[in-house]
C-alpha atoms as a PDB file:
ATOM      1  CA  MET A   1      96.737 130.206  23.783  1.00  0.00           C
ATOM      2  CA  ALA A   2      98.720 133.450  23.535  1.00  0.00           C
ATOM      3  CA  GLN A   3      97.856 135.849  20.723  1.00  0.00           C
ATOM      4  CA  LYS A   4      99.573 138.864  19.300  1.00  0.00           C
ATOM      5  CA  VAL A   5      97.641 141.950  20.350  1.00  0.00           C
ATOM      6  CA  LEU A   6      97.154 145.343  18.852  1.00  0.00           C
ATOM      7  CA  ILE A   7      96.662 147.915  21.618  1.00  0.00           C
ATOM      8  CA  THR A   8      94.714 150.958  20.595  1.00  0.00           C
ATOM      9  CA  PRO A   9      94.102 153.713  23.142  1.00  0.00           C
ATOM     10  CA  ILE A  10      90.791 155.514  22.667  1.00  0.00           C
ATOM     11  CA  ALA A  11      90.266 158.957  24.124  1.00  0.00           C
ATOM     12  CA  PRO A  12      87.596 159.443  26.787  1.00  0.00           C
ATOM     13  CA  GLY A  13      84.228 160.009  25.280  1.00  0.00           C
ATOM     14  CA  GLU A  14      85.342 158.945  21.821  1.00  0.00           C
ATOM     15  CA  HIS A  15      83.108 155.885  21.888  1.00  0.00           C
ATOM     16  CA  ASP A  16      80.334 154.962  24.272  1.00  0.00           C
ATOM     17  CA  THR A  17      79.332 151.749  22.627  1.00  0.00           C
ATOM     18  CA  ILE A  18      81.389 149.067  20.841  1.00  0.00           C
ATOM     19  CA  THR A  19      79.431 146.937  18.438  1.00  0.00           C
ATOM     20  CA  PRO A  20      80.313 143.658  16.664  1.00  0.00           C
ATOM     21  CA  ALA A  21      80.107 145.464  13.322  1.00  0.00           C
ATOM     22  CA  SER A  22      83.012 147.704  14.318  1.00  0.00           C
ATOM     23  CA  LEU A  23      85.038 144.911  15.950  1.00  0.00           C
ATOM     24  CA  ARG A  24      84.580 142.201  13.299  1.00  0.00           C
ATOM     25  CA  ASP A  25      86.639 139.283  14.610  1.00  0.00           C
ATOM     26  CA  CYS A  26      88.357 141.133  17.475  1.00  0.00           C
ATOM     27  CA  SER A  27      87.736 140.694  21.208  1.00  0.00           C
ATOM     28  CA  ILE A  28      87.774 143.634  23.604  1.00  0.00           C
ATOM     29  CA  PHE A  29      89.128 143.335  27.148  1.00  0.00           C
ATOM     30  CA  LEU A  30      88.250 145.948  29.715  1.00  0.00           C
ATOM     31  CA  PRO A  31      90.508 145.919  32.794  1.00  0.00           C
ATOM     32  CA  PHE A  32      88.186 146.261  35.795  1.00  0.00           C
ATOM     33  CA  HIS A  33      90.740 148.151  37.904  1.00  0.00           C
ATOM     34  CA  LEU A  34      90.808 150.918  35.270  1.00  0.00           C
ATOM     35  CA  LEU A  35      87.261 150.993  33.973  1.00  0.00           C
ATOM     36  CA  HIS A  36      83.651 150.973  35.188  1.00  0.00           C
ATOM     37  CA  THR A  37      81.743 148.858  32.740  1.00  0.00           C
ATOM     38  CA  THR A  38      78.082 148.323  32.435  1.00  0.00           C
ATOM     39  CA  PRO A  39      77.168 145.253  30.408  1.00  0.00           C
ATOM     40  CA  ILE A  40      74.234 145.395  28.126  1.00  0.00           C
ATOM     41  CA  ALA A  41      71.427 143.246  29.339  1.00  0.00           C
ATOM     42  CA  GLY A  42      71.866 139.543  28.712  1.00  0.00           C
ATOM     43  CA  LYS A  43      75.630 139.760  28.070  1.00  0.00           C
ATOM     44  CA  ASP A  44      78.227 137.760  30.008  1.00  0.00           C
ATOM     45  CA  SER A  45      80.580 139.949  32.087  1.00  0.00           C
ATOM     46  CA  HIS A  46      82.353 137.486  34.441  1.00  0.00           C
ATOM     47  CA  PHE A  47      85.793 138.322  33.039  1.00  0.00           C
ATOM     48  CA  GLY A  48      85.110 141.713  31.586  1.00  0.00           C
ATOM     49  CA  LYS A  49      85.010 140.279  28.061  1.00  0.00           C
ATOM     50  CA  VAL A  50      82.652 142.101  25.768  1.00  0.00           C
ATOM     51  CA  SER A  51      81.305 139.777  23.092  1.00  0.00           C
ATOM     52  CA  ASP A  52      78.657 141.928  21.515  1.00  0.00           C
ATOM     53  CA  ALA A  53      78.361 145.369  23.062  1.00  0.00           C
ATOM     54  CA  TYR A  54      79.199 147.284  26.204  1.00  0.00           C
ATOM     55  CA  SER A  55      78.095 150.655  27.402  1.00  0.00           C
ATOM     56  CA  THR A  56      80.870 152.409  29.308  1.00  0.00           C
ATOM     57  CA  SER A  57      81.076 155.587  31.343  1.00  0.00           C
ATOM     58  CA  SER A  58      83.397 158.325  30.022  1.00  0.00           C
ATOM     59  CA  THR A  59      83.137 160.745  32.960  1.00  0.00           C
ATOM     60  CA  GLU A  60      85.045 158.966  35.787  1.00  0.00           C
ATOM     61  CA  ARG A  61      88.384 158.173  34.063  1.00  0.00           C
ATOM     62  CA  GLY A  62      89.910 157.802  30.590  1.00  0.00           C
ATOM     63  CA  LEU A  63      88.754 154.966  28.466  1.00  0.00           C
ATOM     64  CA  LEU A  64      91.401 152.444  27.295  1.00  0.00           C
ATOM     65  CA  LEU A  65      90.390 149.594  25.070  1.00  0.00           C
ATOM     66  CA  MET A  66      92.743 146.771  24.252  1.00  0.00           C
ATOM     67  CA  LYS A  67      91.775 144.986  21.120  1.00  0.00           C
ATOM     68  CA  ALA A  68      93.276 141.508  20.689  1.00  0.00           C
ATOM     69  CA  CYS A  69      92.983 140.711  17.044  1.00  0.00           C
ATOM     70  CA  LYS A  70      94.117 137.674  15.092  1.00  0.00           C
ATOM     71  CA  ARG A  71      96.725 138.835  12.559  1.00  0.00           C
ATOM     72  CA  ALA A  72      98.546 136.849   9.778  1.00  0.00           C
ATOM     73  CA  PHE A  73     101.825 137.634   7.979  1.00  0.00           C
ATOM     74  CA  THR A  74     101.461 139.596   4.806  1.00  0.00           C
ATOM     75  CA  LEU A  75     102.855 138.222   1.538  1.00  0.00           C
ATOM     76  CA  ILE A  76     105.607 140.851   1.517  1.00  0.00           C
ATOM     77  CA  GLU A  77     106.720 139.887   5.028  1.00  0.00           C
ATOM     78  CA  LEU A  78     106.898 136.207   4.060  1.00  0.00           C
ATOM     79  CA  LEU A  79     108.896 137.029   0.941  1.00  0.00           C
ATOM     80  CA  VAL A  80     111.352 139.104   2.973  1.00  0.00           C
ATOM     81  CA  VAL A  81     111.886 136.209   5.422  1.00  0.00           C
ATOM     82  CA  ILE A  82     112.390 133.744   2.555  1.00  0.00           C
ATOM     83  CA  ALA A  83     114.871 136.104   0.891  1.00  0.00           C
ATOM     84  CA  ILE A  84     116.873 136.439   4.126  1.00  0.00           C
ATOM     85  CA  ILE A  85     116.981 132.646   4.558  1.00  0.00           C
ATOM     86  CA  ALA A  86     118.122 132.210   0.952  1.00  0.00           C
ATOM     87  CA  ILE A  87     120.917 134.770   1.413  1.00  0.00           C
ATOM     88  CA  LEU A  88     122.117 133.090   4.602  1.00  0.00           C
ATOM     89  CA  ALA A  89     122.039 129.679   2.918  1.00  0.00           C
ATOM     90  CA  ALA A  90     124.062 130.987  -0.032  1.00  0.00           C
ATOM     91  CA  ILE A  91     126.674 132.322   2.396  1.00  0.00           C
ATOM     92  CA  LEU A  92     126.844 129.377   4.812  1.00  0.00           C
ATOM     93  CA  PHE A  93     126.488 126.297   2.582  1.00  0.00           C
ATOM     94  CA  PRO A  94     129.831 126.826   0.758  1.00  0.00           C
ATOM     95  CA  VAL A  95     131.491 127.357   4.142  1.00  0.00           C
ATOM     96  CA  PHE A  96     130.076 124.071   5.440  1.00  0.00           C
ATOM     97  CA  SER A  97     131.112 122.315   2.223  1.00  0.00           C
ATOM     98  CA  GLN A  98     134.674 123.593   2.533  1.00  0.00           C
ATOM     99  CA  ALA A  99     134.793 122.523   6.174  1.00  0.00           C
ATOM    100  CA  ARG A 100     133.704 118.983   5.229  1.00  0.00           C
ATOM    101  CA  ALA A 101     136.319 118.882   2.444  1.00  0.00           C
ATOM    102  CA  LYS A 102     139.016 119.969   4.896  1.00  0.00           C
ATOM    103  CA  ALA A 103     137.920 117.281   7.355  1.00  0.00           C
ATOM    104  CA  ARG A 104     138.100 114.589   4.664  1.00  0.00           C
ATOM    105  CA  SER A 105     141.515 115.838   3.554  1.00  0.00           C
ATOM    106  CA  ALA A 106     142.748 115.682   7.158  1.00  0.00           C
ATOM    107  CA  ALA A 107     141.475 112.094   7.488  1.00  0.00           C
ATOM    108  CA  ASP A 108     143.192 111.212   4.221  1.00  0.00           C
ATOM    109  CA  MET A 109     146.442 112.769   5.442  1.00  0.00           C
ATOM    110  CA  SER A 110     146.229 110.627   8.571  1.00  0.00           C
ATOM    111  CA  ASN A 111     145.806 107.515   6.408  1.00  0.00           C
ATOM    112  CA  VAL A 112     148.796 108.378   4.231  1.00  0.00           C
ATOM    113  CA  ARG A 113     150.987 109.105   7.251  1.00  0.00           C
ATOM    114  CA  GLN A 114     150.046 105.805   8.925  1.00  0.00           C
ATOM    115  CA  ILE A 115     150.777 103.862   5.734  1.00  0.00           C
ATOM    116  CA  GLY A 116     154.177 105.556   5.467  1.00  0.00           C
ATOM    117  CA  MET A 117     154.998 104.685   9.067  1.00  0.00           C
ATOM    118  CA  ALA A 118     153.928 101.061   8.520  1.00  0.00           C
ATOM    119  CA  ILE A 119     156.351 100.853   5.572  1.00  0.00           C
ATOM    120  CA  GLN A 120     159.087 102.275   7.795  1.00  0.00           C
ATOM    121  CA  MET A 121     158.497  99.583  10.409  1.00  0.00           C
ATOM    122  CA  TYR A 122     158.469  96.884   7.748  1.00  0.00           C
ATOM    123  CA  VAL A 123     161.784  98.141   6.347  1.00  0.00           C
ATOM    124  CA  GLN A 124     163.380  98.052   9.794  1.00  0.00           C
ATOM    125  CA  ASP A 125     162.336  94.419  10.211  1.00  0.00           C
ATOM    126  CA  TRP A 126     163.456  93.338   6.723  1.00  0.00           C
ATOM    127  CA  ASP A 127     167.048  94.538   6.378  1.00  0.00           C
ATOM    128  CA  GLU A 128     166.263  97.967   4.946  1.00  0.00           C
ATOM    129  CA  ARG A 129     164.218  96.579   2.069  1.00  0.00           C
ATOM    130  CA  THR A 130     160.625  97.292   1.135  1.00  0.00           C
ATOM    131  CA  CYS A 131     158.110  94.570   0.341  1.00  0.00           C
ATOM    132  CA  ARG A 132     158.225  92.608  -2.888  1.00  0.00           C
ATOM    133  CA  THR A 133     154.714  92.272  -4.273  1.00  0.00           C
ATOM    134  CA  HIS A 134     153.098  90.790  -7.358  1.00  0.00           C
ATOM    135  CA  HIS A 135     150.603  93.131  -9.057  1.00  0.00           C
ATOM    136  CA  ASP A 136     151.380  92.639 -12.734  1.00  0.00           C
ATOM    137  CA  LEU A 137     149.938  89.198 -13.366  1.00  0.00           C
ATOM    138  CA  GLU A 138     150.820  87.233 -16.478  1.00  0.00           C
ATOM    139  CA  GLY A 139     148.263  85.875 -18.917  1.00  0.00           C
ATOM    140  CA  SER A 140     148.167  82.406 -17.364  1.00  0.00           C
ATOM    141  CA  GLU A 141     147.923  83.675 -13.784  1.00  0.00           C
ATOM    142  CA  THR A 142     144.696  84.103 -11.800  1.00  0.00           C
ATOM    143  CA  ILE A 143     143.560  86.330  -8.969  1.00  0.00           C
ATOM    144  CA  ALA A 144     144.998  83.731  -6.579  1.00  0.00           C
ATOM    145  CA  ASN A 145     148.486  84.866  -7.675  1.00  0.00           C
ATOM    146  CA  LEU A 146     147.858  88.481  -6.702  1.00  0.00           C
ATOM    147  CA  TYR A 147     149.949  89.744  -3.787  1.00  0.00           C
ATOM    148  CA  THR A 148     149.246  93.416  -3.075  1.00  0.00           C
ATOM    149  CA  TRP A 149     151.672  95.896  -1.550  1.00  0.00           C
ATOM    150  CA  TYR A 150     149.579  96.410   1.576  1.00  0.00           C
ATOM    151  CA  GLN A 151     149.213  92.737   2.519  1.00  0.00           C
ATOM    152  CA  PRO A 152     152.675  92.486   4.152  1.00  0.00           C
ATOM    153  CA  LEU A 153     151.924  95.703   6.089  1.00  0.00           C
ATOM    154  CA  ARG A 154     148.952  94.268   7.973  1.00  0.00           C
ATOM    155  CA  PRO A 155     150.977  93.301  11.072  1.00  0.00           C
ATOM    156  CA  TYR A 156     151.909  96.977  11.418  1.00  0.00           C
ATOM    157  CA  ILE A 157     148.431  98.495  11.176  1.00  0.00           C
ATOM    158  CA  LYS A 158     145.323  98.315  13.338  1.00  0.00           C
ATOM    159  CA  ASN A 159     142.628  99.449  10.943  1.00  0.00           C
ATOM    160  CA  GLU A 160     142.115  98.295   7.356  1.00  0.00           C
ATOM    161  CA  ASN A 161     140.145 101.482   6.650  1.00  0.00           C
ATOM    162  CA  ILE A 162     143.369 103.459   6.357  1.00  0.00           C
ATOM    163  CA  PHE A 163     143.594 102.119   2.784  1.00  0.00           C
ATOM    164  CA  ARG A 164     140.386 103.981   1.847  1.00  0.00           C
ATOM    165  CA  ASP A 165     140.265 107.644   0.940  1.00  0.00           C
ATOM    166  CA  PRO A 166     137.145 109.214   2.581  1.00  0.00           C
ATOM    167  CA  SER A 167     136.754 111.507  -0.457  1.00  0.00           C
ATOM    168  CA  LEU A 168     136.701 108.729  -3.055  1.00  0.00           C
ATOM    169  CA  ASN A 169     133.697 106.587  -3.884  1.00  0.00           C
ATOM    170  CA  ASP A 170     134.161 105.397  -7.455  1.00  0.00           C
ATOM    171  CA  THR A 171     133.398 102.425  -9.653  1.00  0.00           C
ATOM    172  CA  PRO A 172     136.542 101.746 -11.709  1.00  0.00           C
ATOM    173  CA  SER A 173     136.305 100.947 -15.395  1.00  0.00           C
ATOM    174  CA  LEU A 174     139.989 100.168 -16.072  1.00  0.00           C
ATOM    175  CA  PHE A 175     141.402  96.967 -14.603  1.00  0.00           C
ATOM    176  CA  PRO A 176     144.703  95.117 -14.971  1.00  0.00           C
ATOM    177  CA  HIS A 177     144.508  91.469 -16.018  1.00  0.00           C
ATOM    178  CA  PRO A 178     142.759  89.420 -14.619  1.00  0.00           C
ATOM    179  CA  ILE A 179     141.073  91.611 -11.992  1.00  0.00           C
ATOM    180  CA  THR A 180     137.314  92.173 -12.241  1.00  0.00           C
ATOM    181  CA  LEU A 181     135.014  94.609 -10.466  1.00  0.00           C
ATOM    182  CA  ALA A 182     134.000  91.830  -8.059  1.00  0.00           C
ATOM    183  CA  ASP A 183     137.682  91.180  -7.252  1.00  0.00           C
ATOM    184  CA  TRP A 184     138.235  94.896  -6.714  1.00  0.00           C
ATOM    185  CA  GLN A 185     135.637  94.964  -3.942  1.00  0.00           C
ATOM    186  CA  THR A 186     137.927  92.618  -2.007  1.00  0.00           C
ATOM    187  CA  TYR A 187     141.337  94.038  -2.926  1.00  0.00           C
ATOM    188  CA  ARG A 188     140.494  97.717  -3.300  1.00  0.00           C
ATOM    189  CA  THR A 189     142.896 100.402  -2.139  1.00  0.00           C
ATOM    190  CA  ASP A 190     142.707 104.127  -2.853  1.00  0.00           C
ATOM    191  CA  TYR A 191     146.462 104.620  -2.580  1.00  0.00           C
ATOM    192  CA  LEU A 192     149.231 103.703  -4.989  1.00  0.00           C
ATOM    193  CA  ILE A 193     152.685 102.655  -3.915  1.00  0.00           C
ATOM    194  CA  ASN A 194     155.583 103.965  -5.965  1.00  0.00           C
ATOM    195  CA  GLY A 195     156.724 101.022  -8.110  1.00  0.00           C
ATOM    196  CA  PHE A 196     160.285 101.148  -6.742  1.00  0.00           C
ATOM    197  CA  PHE A 197     158.955 100.202  -3.318  1.00  0.00           C
ATOM    198  CA  SER A 198     156.652  97.405  -4.466  1.00  0.00           C
ATOM    199  CA  HIS A 199     159.622  95.520  -5.982  1.00  0.00           C
ATOM    200  CA  GLY A 200     161.786  95.089  -2.903  1.00  0.00           C
ATOM    201  CA  ALA A 201     163.841  98.294  -3.129  1.00  0.00           C
ATOM    202  CA  PHE A 202     166.831  98.801  -0.861  1.00  0.00           C
ATOM    203  CA  ILE A 203     166.219 102.195   0.727  1.00  0.00           C
ATOM    204  CA  GLY A 204     169.910 103.025   0.614  1.00  0.00           C
ATOM    205  CA  MET A 205     169.439 103.493  -3.148  1.00  0.00           C
ATOM    206  CA  PHE A 206     167.818 106.853  -2.501  1.00  0.00           C
ATOM    207  CA  SER A 207     170.001 109.797  -1.556  1.00  0.00           C
ATOM    208  CA  LYS A 208     167.162 112.175  -0.612  1.00  0.00           C
ATOM    209  CA  PRO A 209     164.573 110.220   1.432  1.00  0.00           C
ATOM    210  CA  ALA A 210     162.806 113.433   2.523  1.00  0.00           C
ATOM    211  CA  GLU A 211     162.196 114.244  -1.158  1.00  0.00           C
ATOM    212  CA  GLN A 212     161.296 110.757  -2.363  1.00  0.00           C
ATOM    213  CA  ILE A 213     157.568 110.008  -2.644  1.00  0.00           C
ATOM    214  CA  ILE A 214     156.607 106.491  -1.645  1.00  0.00           C
ATOM    215  CA  ILE A 215     152.769 106.688  -1.559  1.00  0.00           C
ATOM    216  CA  GLY A 216     150.368 108.668  -3.790  1.00  0.00           C
ATOM    217  CA  GLU A 217     146.613 108.685  -4.383  1.00  0.00           C
ATOM    218  CA  ARG A 218     144.876 106.607  -7.034  1.00  0.00           C
ATOM    219  CA  HIS A 219     143.168 108.437  -9.877  1.00  0.00           C
ATOM    220  CA  ALA A 220     139.404 107.770  -9.830  1.00  0.00           C
ATOM    221  CA  GLY A 221     138.181 105.166 -12.292  1.00  0.00           C
ATOM    222  CA  ILE A 222     141.229 102.901 -12.340  1.00  0.00           C
ATOM    223  CA  ALA A 223     141.815  99.721 -10.324  1.00  0.00           C
ATOM    224  CA  PHE A 224     145.598  99.597  -9.973  1.00  0.00           C
ATOM    225  CA  PHE A 225     147.984  99.158  -7.056  1.00  0.00           C
ATOM    226  CA  ASP A 226     151.253 100.858  -8.023  1.00  0.00           C
ATOM    227  CA  TYR A 227     152.696 103.256 -10.578  1.00  0.00           C
ATOM    228  CA  HIS A 228     156.058 103.266 -12.351  1.00  0.00           C
ATOM    229  CA  ALA A 229     158.076 106.460 -12.019  1.00  0.00           C
ATOM    230  CA  TRP A 230     160.342 105.605 -14.938  1.00  0.00           C
ATOM    231  CA  ALA A 231     159.933 105.415 -18.709  1.00  0.00           C
ATOM    232  CA  SER A 232     157.034 103.019 -19.356  1.00  0.00           C
ATOM    233  CA  ALA A 233     154.919 104.377 -22.228  1.00  0.00           C
ATOM    234  CA  PRO A 234     155.853 104.137 -25.938  1.00  0.00           C
ATOM    235  CA  ASP A 235     156.858 107.818 -25.910  1.00  0.00           C
ATOM    236  CA  GLY A 236     159.025 107.339 -22.818  1.00  0.00           C
ATOM    237  CA  ASN A 237     156.499 108.865 -20.430  1.00  0.00           C
ATOM    238  CA  TRP A 238     156.037 107.492 -16.941  1.00  0.00           C
ATOM    239  CA  GLU A 239     152.762 106.330 -15.401  1.00  0.00           C
ATOM    240  CA  ARG A 240     151.651 109.721 -14.115  1.00  0.00           C
ATOM    241  CA  GLY A 241     148.096 109.094 -15.351  1.00  0.00           C
ATOM    242  CA  PHE A 242     147.670 106.529 -12.563  1.00  0.00           C
ATOM    243  CA  LEU A 243     147.933 109.328  -9.987  1.00  0.00           C
ATOM    244  CA  ASP A 244     145.146 111.631  -8.916  1.00  0.00           C
ATOM    245  CA  GLY A 245     145.848 115.299  -9.614  1.00  0.00           C
ATOM    246  CA  SER A 246     148.484 114.626 -12.296  1.00  0.00           C
ATOM    247  CA  GLY A 247     146.599 116.245 -15.178  1.00  0.00           C
ATOM    248  CA  TYR A 248     146.861 112.950 -17.065  1.00  0.00           C
ATOM    249  CA  GLN A 249     144.967 109.700 -17.417  1.00  0.00           C
ATOM    250  CA  ILE A 250     145.695 106.260 -18.818  1.00  0.00           C
ATOM    251  CA  GLY A 251     145.143 106.189 -22.563  1.00  0.00           C
ATOM    252  CA  ASP A 252     145.708 102.468 -23.047  1.00  0.00           C
ATOM    253  CA  VAL A 253     146.264  99.901 -20.310  1.00  0.00           C
ATOM    254  CA  GLY A 254     148.196  97.514 -22.510  1.00  0.00           C
ATOM    255  CA  SER A 255     150.767 100.007 -23.820  1.00  0.00           C
ATOM    256  CA  ASP A 256     150.811 102.405 -20.839  1.00  0.00           C
ATOM    257  CA  THR A 257     149.960 105.357 -23.074  1.00  0.00           C
ATOM    258  CA  GLN A 258     149.416 108.538 -21.052  1.00  0.00           C
ATOM    259  CA  ILE A 259     147.097 111.291 -22.289  1.00  0.00           C
ATOM    260  CA  LYS A 260     146.384 114.712 -20.833  1.00  0.00           C
ATOM    261  CA  ASP A 261     143.286 115.100 -18.682  1.00  0.00           C
ATOM    262  CA  PRO A 262     142.627 118.718 -17.542  1.00  0.00           C
ATOM    263  CA  ALA A 263     139.859 117.485 -15.233  1.00  0.00           C
ATOM    264  CA  ASN A 264     142.351 115.514 -13.142  1.00  0.00           C
ATOM    265  CA  VAL A 265     143.268 118.327 -10.746  1.00  0.00           C
ATOM    266  CA  GLY A 266     143.431 116.616  -7.353  1.00  0.00           C
ATOM    267  CA  ARG A 267     140.473 115.795  -5.159  1.00  0.00           C
ATOM    268  CA  HIS A 268     141.731 117.503  -2.002  1.00  0.00           C
ATOM    269  CA  THR A 269     141.266 121.201  -2.781  1.00  0.00           C
ATOM    270  CA  GLY A 270     143.253 120.901  -5.981  1.00  0.00           C
ATOM    271  CA  GLY A 271     146.058 118.740  -4.591  1.00  0.00           C
ATOM    272  CA  ASN A 272     146.860 115.433  -2.918  1.00  0.00           C
ATOM    273  CA  ASN A 273     148.555 113.965   0.118  1.00  0.00           C
ATOM    274  CA  TYR A 274     151.847 112.124  -0.324  1.00  0.00           C
ATOM    275  CA  ALA A 275     153.963 109.946   1.984  1.00  0.00           C
ATOM    276  CA  PHE A 276     157.748 110.210   1.766  1.00  0.00           C
ATOM    277  CA  LEU A 277     160.517 107.713   2.342  1.00  0.00           C
ATOM    278  CA  ASP A 278     161.660 109.393   5.564  1.00  0.00           C
ATOM    279  CA  GLY A 279     158.205 108.835   7.107  1.00  0.00           C
ATOM    280  CA  HIS A 280     156.620 112.297   6.823  1.00  0.00           C
ATOM    281  CA  ALA A 281     153.507 113.127   4.793  1.00  0.00           C
ATOM    282  CA  LYS A 282     152.575 116.377   3.084  1.00  0.00           C
ATOM    283  CA  TRP A 283     149.970 117.944   0.787  1.00  0.00           C
ATOM    284  CA  PHE A 284     151.146 119.112  -2.627  1.00  0.00           C
ATOM    285  CA  LYS A 285     149.740 120.121  -5.934  1.00  0.00           C
ATOM    286  CA  PHE A 286     151.052 117.601  -8.439  1.00  0.00           C
ATOM    287  CA  SER A 287     153.072 120.283 -10.218  1.00  0.00           C
ATOM    288  CA  GLN A 288     154.922 120.945  -6.944  1.00  0.00           C
ATOM    289  CA  THR A 289     156.180 117.360  -6.900  1.00  0.00           C
ATOM    290  CA  LEU A 290     157.908 117.794 -10.271  1.00  0.00           C
ATOM    291  CA  ASP A 291     161.346 119.088 -11.168  1.00  0.00           C
ATOM    292  CA  LYS A 292     161.030 122.859 -11.606  1.00  0.00           C
ATOM    293  CA  SER A 293     164.027 122.940 -13.957  1.00  0.00           C
ATOM    294  CA  LYS A 294     162.062 120.931 -16.550  1.00  0.00           C
ATOM    295  CA  ALA A 295     158.771 121.488 -18.336  1.00  0.00           C
ATOM    296  CA  GLU A 296     155.848 119.846 -16.569  1.00  0.00           C
ATOM    297  CA  ASP A 297     154.999 117.735 -19.627  1.00  0.00           C
ATOM    298  CA  ASP A 298     158.603 116.589 -20.133  1.00  0.00           C
ATOM    299  CA  VAL A 299     158.375 112.773 -20.161  1.00  0.00           C
ATOM    300  CA  THR A 300     161.491 112.565 -17.976  1.00  0.00           C
ATOM    301  CA  ASN A 301     160.160 114.998 -15.384  1.00  0.00           C
ATOM    302  CA  TRP A 302     159.385 112.575 -12.573  1.00  0.00           C
ATOM    303  CA  GLY A 303     160.589 114.944  -9.840  1.00  0.00           C
ATOM    304  CA  MET A 304     160.001 113.638  -6.317  1.00  0.00           C
ATOM    305  CA  HIS A 305     158.556 110.413  -7.688  1.00  0.00           C
ATOM    306  CA  ASN A 306     162.077 109.377  -8.767  1.00  0.00           C
ATOM    307  CA  SER A 307     164.337 111.884  -7.075  1.00  0.00           C
ATOM    308  CA  ASP A 308     167.549 110.129  -8.135  1.00  0.00           C
ATOM    309  CA  SER A 309     166.428 109.445 -11.740  1.00  0.00           C
ATOM    310  CA  LEU A 310     166.922 105.707 -11.225  1.00  0.00           C
ATOM    311  CA  PRO A 311     166.100 103.062 -13.831  1.00  0.00           C
ATOM    312  CA  SER A 312     163.416 100.459 -13.299  1.00  0.00           C
ATOM    313  CA  ASN A 313     163.974  97.867 -10.581  1.00  0.00           C
ATOM    314  CA  ASP A 314     160.984  95.833 -11.805  1.00  0.00           C
END
């Protein structure tokens, strides 16, 4: 087994005899082509290894002794190595984390784009109208009456996983009647359809399809399928708290009260991916989707979520 060696040249005549007391745990190797060695009686010399003592001549040529000693790291050396590793980890781990976040955001963007294209194909097959779904169940209705917005899109998609955001793994606590957590495991989607397009909207109603959002991302903790981009709450606010990144959350499910939530900043590097009526998808901060001529907290500031300021088509 290879060992680290410490080579110490010794001047001719400096030592004539090497003893175990001076070597401690080291072994001494004398190269025969350089040295004449005379083993002390009773000592093994087949490989020129001196175990106890050797008497060497200092008159024919210079004496060179190579001492192969076992040597461990010092505490300071170990601490230096640990410090270097810690510094590298502190530098690289955030980089890796950001790279993973970017990858998840890219996968989410792909999902949103595919959903938008599926809606486009559906519209072409159904006389320029979007699907008419049934999310808001009445008191006497059961889960059997639920008809989600993505069910009619299944003929246009190949993978059900496009309805799952790779960055979201939540357990909702707010449910619409009569959905339970067990039901949500079956019907879960991480994307919300704009309410206009879950009620059979005619796409000719919208004058700016490239500026009209059709799909957004669900805020963590809620189990809903669409959001209404028109006055819905008692104060006239719209259901912005249903959307991730909106800076709001649902205050009361029954009345649609919306309350501010500073922690709701968008799970994809502070923003979210949106699909638009013309088929394209793009990342925005929520504030960028609003009307810049109005205050962000203006209850009528629905921006790209209702680009023509239309009334409910529910």
